[in-house]
Each structure stands twice: as structure tokens, then as C-alpha cells.
Amino acid sequence: MSNNPSWTAEAEAKLKEIPFFVRPAARKKIEKFAQEQGVNEITVEIYDLAKKQFG
């Protein structure tokens, strides 16, 4: 059983802006980033930090 971080509605909405064919990979990367930061909820702030890191 995995313990993936939860997503706020706002962060989910931003994820939906990513093209659907790369969305699963992006979600995984962002969740991994959040876990590495010790965060268990993905907010818009975490989403933006992760996106900055991955370019």
C-alpha cells in the first residue's frame, strides 16, 4: 500500500492544466517531491516548487 500525499482542490486543478498524456508522470514526480520534502498534502505552493525544480 502506498501512502501518496493528498492533493488540495486547487493543486488538482493546476495538475489538470498539464496535457493529459504527461499528467500521470507529472503527478508521480510531484508526489515524490512532496514526500522528499516531508509533506503529506500537495498544495499549489508545493506544486509550483516541484514544477520549478523539474523545469
PDB file of N, CA and C in Angstrom:
ATOM      1  N   MET A   1       0.855  -1.204   0.000  1.00  0.00           N
ATOM      2  CA  MET A   1       0.000   0.000   0.000  1.00  0.00           C
ATOM      3  C   MET A   1       0.886   1.246   0.000  1.00  0.00           C
ATOM      4  N   SER A   2       0.628   2.157  -0.907  1.00  0.00           N
ATOM      5  CA  SER A   2       1.429   3.384  -0.970  1.00  0.00           C
ATOM      6  C   SER A   2       0.742   4.468  -0.150  1.00  0.00           C
ATOM      7  N   ASN A   3       1.538   5.368   0.383  1.00  0.00           N
ATOM      8  CA  ASN A   3       0.942   6.477   1.125  1.00  0.00           C
ATOM      9  C   ASN A   3       1.229   7.772   0.385  1.00  0.00           C
ATOM     10  N   ASN A   4       0.592   7.893  -0.769  1.00  0.00           N
ATOM     11  CA  ASN A   4       0.764   9.091  -1.580  1.00  0.00           C
ATOM     12  C   ASN A   4       0.158  10.291  -0.873  1.00  0.00           C
ATOM     13  N   PRO A   5       0.784  11.449  -1.051  1.00  0.00           N
ATOM     14  CA  PRO A   5       0.219  12.667  -0.449  1.00  0.00           C
ATOM     15  C   PRO A   5      -1.155  12.972  -1.039  1.00  0.00           C
ATOM     16  N   SER A   6      -1.986  13.642  -0.261  1.00  0.00           N
ATOM     17  CA  SER A   6      -3.276  14.084  -0.789  1.00  0.00           C
ATOM     18  C   SER A   6      -3.075  15.402  -1.539  1.00  0.00           C
ATOM     19  N   TRP A   7      -4.021  15.725  -2.374  1.00  0.00           N
ATOM     20  CA  TRP A   7      -3.955  16.938  -3.199  1.00  0.00           C
ATOM     21  C   TRP A   7      -5.083  17.872  -2.798  1.00  0.00           C
ATOM     22  N   THR A   8      -4.770  19.161  -2.673  1.00  0.00           N
ATOM     23  CA  THR A   8      -5.848  20.132  -2.461  1.00  0.00           C
ATOM     24  C   THR A   8      -6.576  20.303  -3.799  1.00  0.00           C
ATOM     25  N   ALA A   9      -7.792  20.808  -3.732  1.00  0.00           N
ATOM     26  CA  ALA A   9      -8.578  21.012  -4.951  1.00  0.00           C
ATOM     27  C   ALA A   9      -7.855  21.958  -5.910  1.00  0.00           C
ATOM     28  N   GLU A  10      -7.205  22.986  -5.337  1.00  0.00           N
ATOM     29  CA  GLU A  10      -6.501  23.971  -6.169  1.00  0.00           C
ATOM     30  C   GLU A  10      -5.326  23.324  -6.899  1.00  0.00           C
ATOM     31  N   ALA A  11      -4.578  22.474  -6.191  1.00  0.00           N
ATOM     32  CA  ALA A  11      -3.433  21.804  -6.809  1.00  0.00           C
ATOM     33  C   ALA A  11      -3.911  20.823  -7.888  1.00  0.00           C
ATOM     34  N   GLU A  12      -5.012  20.109  -7.617  1.00  0.00           N
ATOM     35  CA  GLU A  12      -5.591  19.203  -8.614  1.00  0.00           C
ATOM     36  C   GLU A  12      -5.960  19.982  -9.876  1.00  0.00           C
ATOM     37  N   ALA A  13      -6.539  21.165  -9.685  1.00  0.00           N
ATOM     38  CA  ALA A  13      -6.943  21.990 -10.824  1.00  0.00           C
ATOM     39  C   ALA A  13      -5.721  22.382 -11.661  1.00  0.00           C
ATOM     40  N   LYS A  14      -4.630  22.724 -10.998  1.00  0.00           N
ATOM     41  CA  LYS A  14      -3.409  23.082 -11.723  1.00  0.00           C
ATOM     42  C   LYS A  14      -2.853  21.875 -12.467  1.00  0.00           C
ATOM     43  N   LEU A  15      -2.938  20.700 -11.848  1.00  0.00           N
ATOM     44  CA  LEU A  15      -2.468  19.478 -12.499  1.00  0.00           C
ATOM     45  C   LEU A  15      -3.235  19.242 -13.801  1.00  0.00           C
ATOM     46  N   LYS A  16      -4.509  19.588 -13.796  1.00  0.00           N
ATOM     47  CA  LYS A  16      -5.348  19.386 -14.987  1.00  0.00           C
ATOM     48  C   LYS A  16      -4.946  20.296 -16.142  1.00  0.00           C
ATOM     49  N   GLU A  17      -4.126  21.327 -15.859  1.00  0.00           N
ATOM     50  CA  GLU A  17      -3.628  22.194 -16.938  1.00  0.00           C
ATOM     51  C   GLU A  17      -2.514  21.509 -17.728  1.00  0.00           C
ATOM     52  N   ILE A  18      -1.923  20.466 -17.133  1.00  0.00           N
ATOM     53  CA  ILE A  18      -0.848  19.727 -17.806  1.00  0.00           C
ATOM     54  C   ILE A  18      -1.497  18.808 -18.845  1.00  0.00           C
ATOM     55  N   PRO A  19      -0.923  18.709 -20.042  1.00  0.00           N
ATOM     56  CA  PRO A  19      -1.509  17.815 -21.060  1.00  0.00           C
ATOM     57  C   PRO A  19      -1.703  16.408 -20.497  1.00  0.00           C
ATOM     58  N   PHE A  20      -2.851  15.803 -20.819  1.00  0.00           N
ATOM     59  CA  PHE A  20      -3.230  14.528 -20.214  1.00  0.00           C
ATOM     60  C   PHE A  20      -2.199  13.427 -20.403  1.00  0.00           C
ATOM     61  N   PHE A  21      -1.456  13.458 -21.505  1.00  0.00           N
ATOM     62  CA  PHE A  21      -0.531  12.360 -21.781  1.00  0.00           C
ATOM     63  C   PHE A  21       0.732  12.408 -20.926  1.00  0.00           C
ATOM     64  N   VAL A  22       1.032  13.542 -20.298  1.00  0.00           N
ATOM     65  CA  VAL A  22       2.174  13.604 -19.373  1.00  0.00           C
ATOM     66  C   VAL A  22       1.727  13.739 -17.918  1.00  0.00           C
ATOM     67  N   ARG A  23       0.427  13.871 -17.728  1.00  0.00           N
ATOM     68  CA  ARG A  23      -0.103  14.105 -16.377  1.00  0.00           C
ATOM     69  C   ARG A  23       0.268  13.009 -15.372  1.00  0.00           C
ATOM     70  N   PRO A  24       0.131  11.721 -15.726  1.00  0.00           N
ATOM     71  CA  PRO A  24       0.486  10.689 -14.730  1.00  0.00           C
ATOM     72  C   PRO A  24       1.940  10.781 -14.283  1.00  0.00           C
ATOM     73  N   ALA A  25       2.847  11.020 -15.205  1.00  0.00           N
ATOM     74  CA  ALA A  25       4.267  11.148 -14.862  1.00  0.00           C
ATOM     75  C   ALA A  25       4.488  12.399 -14.001  1.00  0.00           C
ATOM     76  N   ALA A  26       3.827  13.485 -14.351  1.00  0.00           N
ATOM     77  CA  ALA A  26       3.957  14.728 -13.589  1.00  0.00           C
ATOM     78  C   ALA A  26       3.429  14.527 -12.167  1.00  0.00           C
ATOM     79  N   ARG A  27       2.293  13.857 -12.046  1.00  0.00           N
ATOM     80  CA  ARG A  27       1.710  13.597 -10.724  1.00  0.00           C
ATOM     81  C   ARG A  27       2.698  12.795  -9.863  1.00  0.00           C
ATOM     82  N   LYS A  28       3.276  11.763 -10.451  1.00  0.00           N
ATOM     83  CA  LYS A  28       4.245  10.928  -9.719  1.00  0.00           C
ATOM     84  C   LYS A  28       5.442  11.751  -9.249  1.00  0.00           C
ATOM     85  N   LYS A  29       5.976  12.577 -10.154  1.00  0.00           N
ATOM     86  CA  LYS A  29       7.141  13.408  -9.818  1.00  0.00           C
ATOM     87  C   LYS A  29       6.805  14.378  -8.693  1.00  0.00           C
ATOM     88  N   ILE A  30       5.646  15.006  -8.777  1.00  0.00           N
ATOM     89  CA  ILE A  30       5.247  15.988  -7.764  1.00  0.00           C
ATOM     90  C   ILE A  30       5.021  15.292  -6.427  1.00  0.00           C
ATOM     91  N   GLU A  31       4.389  14.106  -6.446  1.00  0.00           N
ATOM     92  CA  GLU A  31       4.169  13.362  -5.205  1.00  0.00           C
ATOM     93  C   GLU A  31       5.497  12.934  -4.587  1.00  0.00           C
ATOM     94  N   LYS A  32       6.440  12.496  -5.423  1.00  0.00           N
ATOM     95  CA  LYS A  32       7.762  12.096  -4.935  1.00  0.00           C
ATOM     96  C   LYS A  32       8.465  13.312  -4.319  1.00  0.00           C
ATOM     97  N   PHE A  33       8.385  14.456  -5.000  1.00  0.00           N
ATOM     98  CA  PHE A  33       8.969  15.695  -4.487  1.00  0.00           C
ATOM     99  C   PHE A  33       8.380  16.022  -3.105  1.00  0.00           C
ATOM    100  N   ALA A  34       7.055  15.935  -2.989  1.00  0.00           N
ATOM    101  CA  ALA A  34       6.383  16.247  -1.723  1.00  0.00           C
ATOM    102  C   ALA A  34       6.863  15.308  -0.620  1.00  0.00           C
ATOM    103  N   GLN A  35       6.963  14.024  -0.935  1.00  0.00           N
ATOM    104  CA  GLN A  35       7.421  13.054   0.059  1.00  0.00           C
ATOM    105  C   GLN A  35       8.843  13.365   0.505  1.00  0.00           C
ATOM    106  N   GLU A  36       9.704  13.735  -0.447  1.00  0.00           N
ATOM    107  CA  GLU A  36      11.080  14.088  -0.105  1.00  0.00           C
ATOM    108  C   GLU A  36      11.140  15.325   0.789  1.00  0.00           C
ATOM    109  N   GLN A  37      10.149  16.204   0.647  1.00  0.00           N
ATOM    110  CA  GLN A  37      10.091  17.411   1.486  1.00  0.00           C
ATOM    111  C   GLN A  37       9.412  17.127   2.820  1.00  0.00           C
ATOM    112  N   GLY A  38       8.916  15.907   3.002  1.00  0.00           N
ATOM    113  CA  GLY A  38       8.213  15.556   4.233  1.00  0.00           C
ATOM    114  C   GLY A  38       6.813  16.143   4.301  1.00  0.00           C
ATOM    115  N   VAL A  39       6.226  16.372   3.141  1.00  0.00           N
ATOM    116  CA  VAL A  39       4.905  16.995   3.056  1.00  0.00           C
ATOM    117  C   VAL A  39       3.888  15.915   2.703  1.00  0.00           C
ATOM    118  N   ASN A  40       2.737  15.916   3.375  1.00  0.00           N
ATOM    119  CA  ASN A  40       1.738  14.902   3.044  1.00  0.00           C
ATOM    120  C   ASN A  40       0.481  15.485   2.407  1.00  0.00           C
ATOM    121  N   GLU A  41       0.535  16.768   2.067  1.00  0.00           N
ATOM    122  CA  GLU A  41      -0.552  17.370   1.293  1.00  0.00           C
ATOM    123  C   GLU A  41       0.053  18.266   0.223  1.00  0.00           C
ATOM    124  N   ILE A  42      -0.357  18.048  -1.006  1.00  0.00           N
ATOM    125  CA  ILE A  42       0.159  18.852  -2.109  1.00  0.00           C
ATOM    126  C   ILE A  42      -0.749  20.052  -2.301  1.00  0.00           C
ATOM    127  N   THR A  43      -0.159  21.215  -2.052  1.00  0.00           N
ATOM    128  CA  THR A  43      -0.862  22.487  -2.227  1.00  0.00           C
ATOM    129  C   THR A  43      -0.336  23.131  -3.505  1.00  0.00           C
ATOM    130  N   VAL A  44      -0.910  24.245  -3.875  1.00  0.00           N
ATOM    131  CA  VAL A  44      -0.435  24.985  -5.045  1.00  0.00           C
ATOM    132  C   VAL A  44       1.035  25.368  -4.852  1.00  0.00           C
ATOM    133  N   GLU A  45       1.407  25.724  -3.614  1.00  0.00           N
ATOM    134  CA  GLU A  45       2.795  26.109  -3.334  1.00  0.00           C
ATOM    135  C   GLU A  45       3.754  24.948  -3.605  1.00  0.00           C
ATOM    136  N   ILE A  46       3.404  23.774  -3.116  1.00  0.00           N
ATOM    137  CA  ILE A  46       4.244  22.588  -3.339  1.00  0.00           C
ATOM    138  C   ILE A  46       4.287  22.261  -4.825  1.00  0.00           C
ATOM    139  N   TYR A  47       3.139  22.348  -5.473  1.00  0.00           N
ATOM    140  CA  TYR A  47       3.051  22.102  -6.918  1.00  0.00           C
ATOM    141  C   TYR A  47       4.009  23.025  -7.672  1.00  0.00           C
ATOM    142  N   ASP A  48       3.973  24.317  -7.331  1.00  0.00           N
ATOM    143  CA  ASP A  48       4.831  25.297  -8.011  1.00  0.00           C
ATOM    144  C   ASP A  48       6.312  25.036  -7.727  1.00  0.00           C
ATOM    145  N   LEU A  49       6.642  24.694  -6.482  1.00  0.00           N
ATOM    146  CA  LEU A  49       8.036  24.373  -6.127  1.00  0.00           C
ATOM    147  C   LEU A  49       8.513  23.170  -6.935  1.00  0.00           C
ATOM    148  N   ALA A  50       7.683  22.146  -7.006  1.00  0.00           N
ATOM    149  CA  ALA A  50       8.059  20.936  -7.747  1.00  0.00           C
ATOM    150  C   ALA A  50       8.243  21.264  -9.224  1.00  0.00           C
ATOM    151  N   LYS A  51       7.331  22.038  -9.780  1.00  0.00           N
ATOM    152  CA  LYS A  51       7.437  22.403 -11.205  1.00  0.00           C
ATOM    153  C   LYS A  51       8.705  23.191 -11.482  1.00  0.00           C
ATOM    154  N   LYS A  52       9.053  24.092 -10.581  1.00  0.00           N
ATOM    155  CA  LYS A  52      10.296  24.859 -10.742  1.00  0.00           C
ATOM    156  C   LYS A  52      11.505  23.933 -10.768  1.00  0.00           C
ATOM    157  N   GLN A  53      11.492  22.951  -9.872  1.00  0.00           N
ATOM    158  CA  GLN A  53      12.625  22.033  -9.795  1.00  0.00           C
ATOM    159  C   GLN A  53      12.757  21.194 -11.067  1.00  0.00           C
ATOM    160  N   PHE A  54      11.636  20.814 -11.667  1.00  0.00           N
ATOM    161  CA  PHE A  54      11.688  19.945 -12.849  1.00  0.00           C
ATOM    162  C   PHE A  54      11.742  20.735 -14.149  1.00  0.00           C
ATOM    163  N   GLY A  55      11.543  22.038 -14.053  1.00  0.00           N
ATOM    164  CA  GLY A  55      11.660  22.884 -15.235  1.00  0.00           C
ATOM    165  C   GLY A  55      10.472  22.868 -16.140  1.00  0.00           C
TER     166      GLY A  55
END
